[in-house]
Amino acid sequence: MNEALLVAGMALVTFAIRYPVLALLGKIPLPEPVFRALRYVPAAVLTAIIIPAVVIGQDSHLDLRLTNAYLVAGLVSAPVAWRTRSLLLTIILGMLALWGWRWLLTLLG
């Protein structure tokens, strides 16, 4: 029962924080520069999620070595995404790079 109350409380707090802003923004017109700036929010959020997962190792320290398979897969995926703009191809080649690099590292010891 405590878990249900905890989840309900978190939902209530999240709603209480976000709803007034959304209700206010629905009533007032926003200038065009704000809309142009908001176009960059998804890329910024995605970058903020992905970069720490790629460059921080299992010991919670910065890991920029070539033994970091996530970093190598990210370095392969970034130009693929930039050139092709294909999400599916980026995911497939990134996963192949990750698995291939891990396999190669296990062979090399």
Protein backbone atom coordinates (compact mmCIF):
# COMPACT_ATOMS: atom_id res chain seq x y z
CA MET A 1 0.00 0.00 0.00
CA ASN A 2 2.88 2.38 0.73
CA GLU A 3 4.18 1.95 -2.83
CA ALA A 4 0.81 2.93 -4.29
CA LEU A 5 0.74 6.06 -2.14
CA LEU A 6 4.28 6.88 -3.17
CA VAL A 7 3.48 6.54 -6.88
CA ALA A 8 0.27 8.57 -6.47
CA GLY A 9 2.18 11.28 -4.60
CA MET A 10 4.86 11.45 -7.28
CA ALA A 11 2.18 11.69 -9.99
CA LEU A 12 0.41 14.47 -8.09
CA VAL A 13 3.62 16.46 -7.60
CA THR A 14 4.61 16.02 -11.25
CA PHE A 15 1.17 17.14 -12.41
CA ALA A 16 1.12 20.09 -9.99
CA ILE A 17 4.49 21.33 -11.25
CA ARG A 18 3.79 20.99 -14.97
CA TYR A 19 0.12 21.84 -15.41
CA PRO A 20 0.22 25.55 -14.46
CA VAL A 21 3.01 26.22 -16.96
CA LEU A 22 1.20 24.38 -19.75
CA ALA A 23 -2.09 26.10 -18.94
CA LEU A 24 -0.40 29.52 -18.95
CA LEU A 25 1.46 28.87 -22.20
CA GLY A 26 -1.80 27.86 -23.83
CA LYS A 27 -3.28 31.29 -23.07
CA ILE A 28 -0.48 33.62 -24.16
CA PRO A 29 1.14 33.84 -27.57
CA LEU A 30 4.85 33.06 -27.64
CA PRO A 31 7.30 34.96 -29.84
CA GLU A 32 8.82 33.23 -32.85
CA PRO A 33 12.37 33.07 -31.34
CA VAL A 34 10.99 30.92 -28.51
CA PHE A 35 9.51 28.45 -31.01
CA ARG A 36 12.81 28.35 -32.92
CA ALA A 37 14.70 27.67 -29.69
CA LEU A 38 12.27 24.92 -28.67
CA ARG A 39 13.18 22.98 -31.81
CA TYR A 40 16.55 22.20 -30.22
CA VAL A 41 15.11 20.73 -27.02
CA PRO A 42 14.78 17.09 -28.24
CA ALA A 43 18.37 17.00 -29.50
CA ALA A 44 19.66 18.55 -26.28
CA VAL A 45 17.73 16.11 -24.08
CA LEU A 46 18.81 13.11 -26.15
CA THR A 47 22.43 14.25 -25.97
CA ALA A 48 22.19 14.71 -22.20
CA ILE A 49 20.93 11.14 -21.86
CA ILE A 50 23.33 9.44 -24.29
CA ILE A 51 26.70 11.10 -23.62
CA PRO A 52 27.01 10.04 -19.95
CA ALA A 53 26.04 6.47 -20.87
CA VAL A 54 28.74 6.40 -23.55
CA VAL A 55 31.69 8.03 -21.78
CA ILE A 56 31.22 6.93 -18.16
CA GLY A 57 32.54 3.46 -17.43
CA GLN A 58 31.28 0.85 -15.00
CA ASP A 59 33.41 2.33 -12.22
CA SER A 60 31.61 5.71 -12.57
CA HIS A 61 34.69 7.44 -13.98
CA LEU A 62 35.31 9.03 -17.34
CA ASP A 63 36.42 6.25 -19.73
CA LEU A 64 37.72 7.50 -23.08
CA ARG A 65 39.83 4.43 -23.84
CA LEU A 66 39.31 2.22 -26.86
CA THR A 67 38.39 -0.62 -24.51
CA ASN A 68 35.10 1.22 -23.85
CA ALA A 69 32.85 -0.56 -26.36
CA TYR A 70 30.02 1.94 -25.81
CA LEU A 71 32.31 4.79 -26.82
CA VAL A 72 33.45 2.99 -29.96
CA ALA A 73 29.85 2.16 -30.92
CA GLY A 74 28.89 5.79 -30.34
CA LEU A 75 31.76 6.99 -32.52
CA VAL A 76 30.56 4.66 -35.28
CA SER A 77 26.89 5.60 -34.86
CA ALA A 78 27.30 9.39 -34.85
CA PRO A 79 28.54 9.79 -38.44
CA VAL A 80 26.07 7.16 -39.66
CA ALA A 81 23.19 9.12 -38.11
CA TRP A 82 24.51 12.40 -39.44
CA ARG A 83 25.02 11.18 -43.02
CA THR A 84 22.04 8.88 -43.49
CA ARG A 85 19.44 10.41 -41.11
CA SER A 86 18.13 6.84 -40.78
CA LEU A 87 17.28 5.79 -37.24
CA LEU A 88 17.03 2.10 -38.11
CA LEU A 89 20.39 2.02 -39.91
CA THR A 90 22.02 3.93 -37.06
CA ILE A 91 20.71 1.48 -34.48
CA ILE A 92 21.69 -1.57 -36.52
CA LEU A 93 25.22 -0.38 -37.29
CA GLY A 94 25.70 0.89 -33.74
CA MET A 95 24.70 -2.45 -32.25
CA LEU A 96 26.88 -4.32 -34.74
CA ALA A 97 29.79 -2.05 -33.81
CA LEU A 98 29.16 -2.63 -30.09
CA TRP A 99 28.93 -6.41 -30.41
CA GLY A 100 31.80 -6.61 -32.88
CA TRP A 101 34.09 -4.48 -30.73
CA ARG A 102 33.26 -6.52 -27.61
CA TRP A 103 33.95 -9.72 -29.54
CA LEU A 104 37.26 -8.33 -30.79
CA LEU A 105 38.25 -7.26 -27.27
CA THR A 106 37.54 -10.73 -25.90
CA LEU A 107 39.72 -12.26 -28.64
CA LEU A 108 42.56 -9.91 -27.85
CA GLY A 109 42.27 -10.63 -24.13
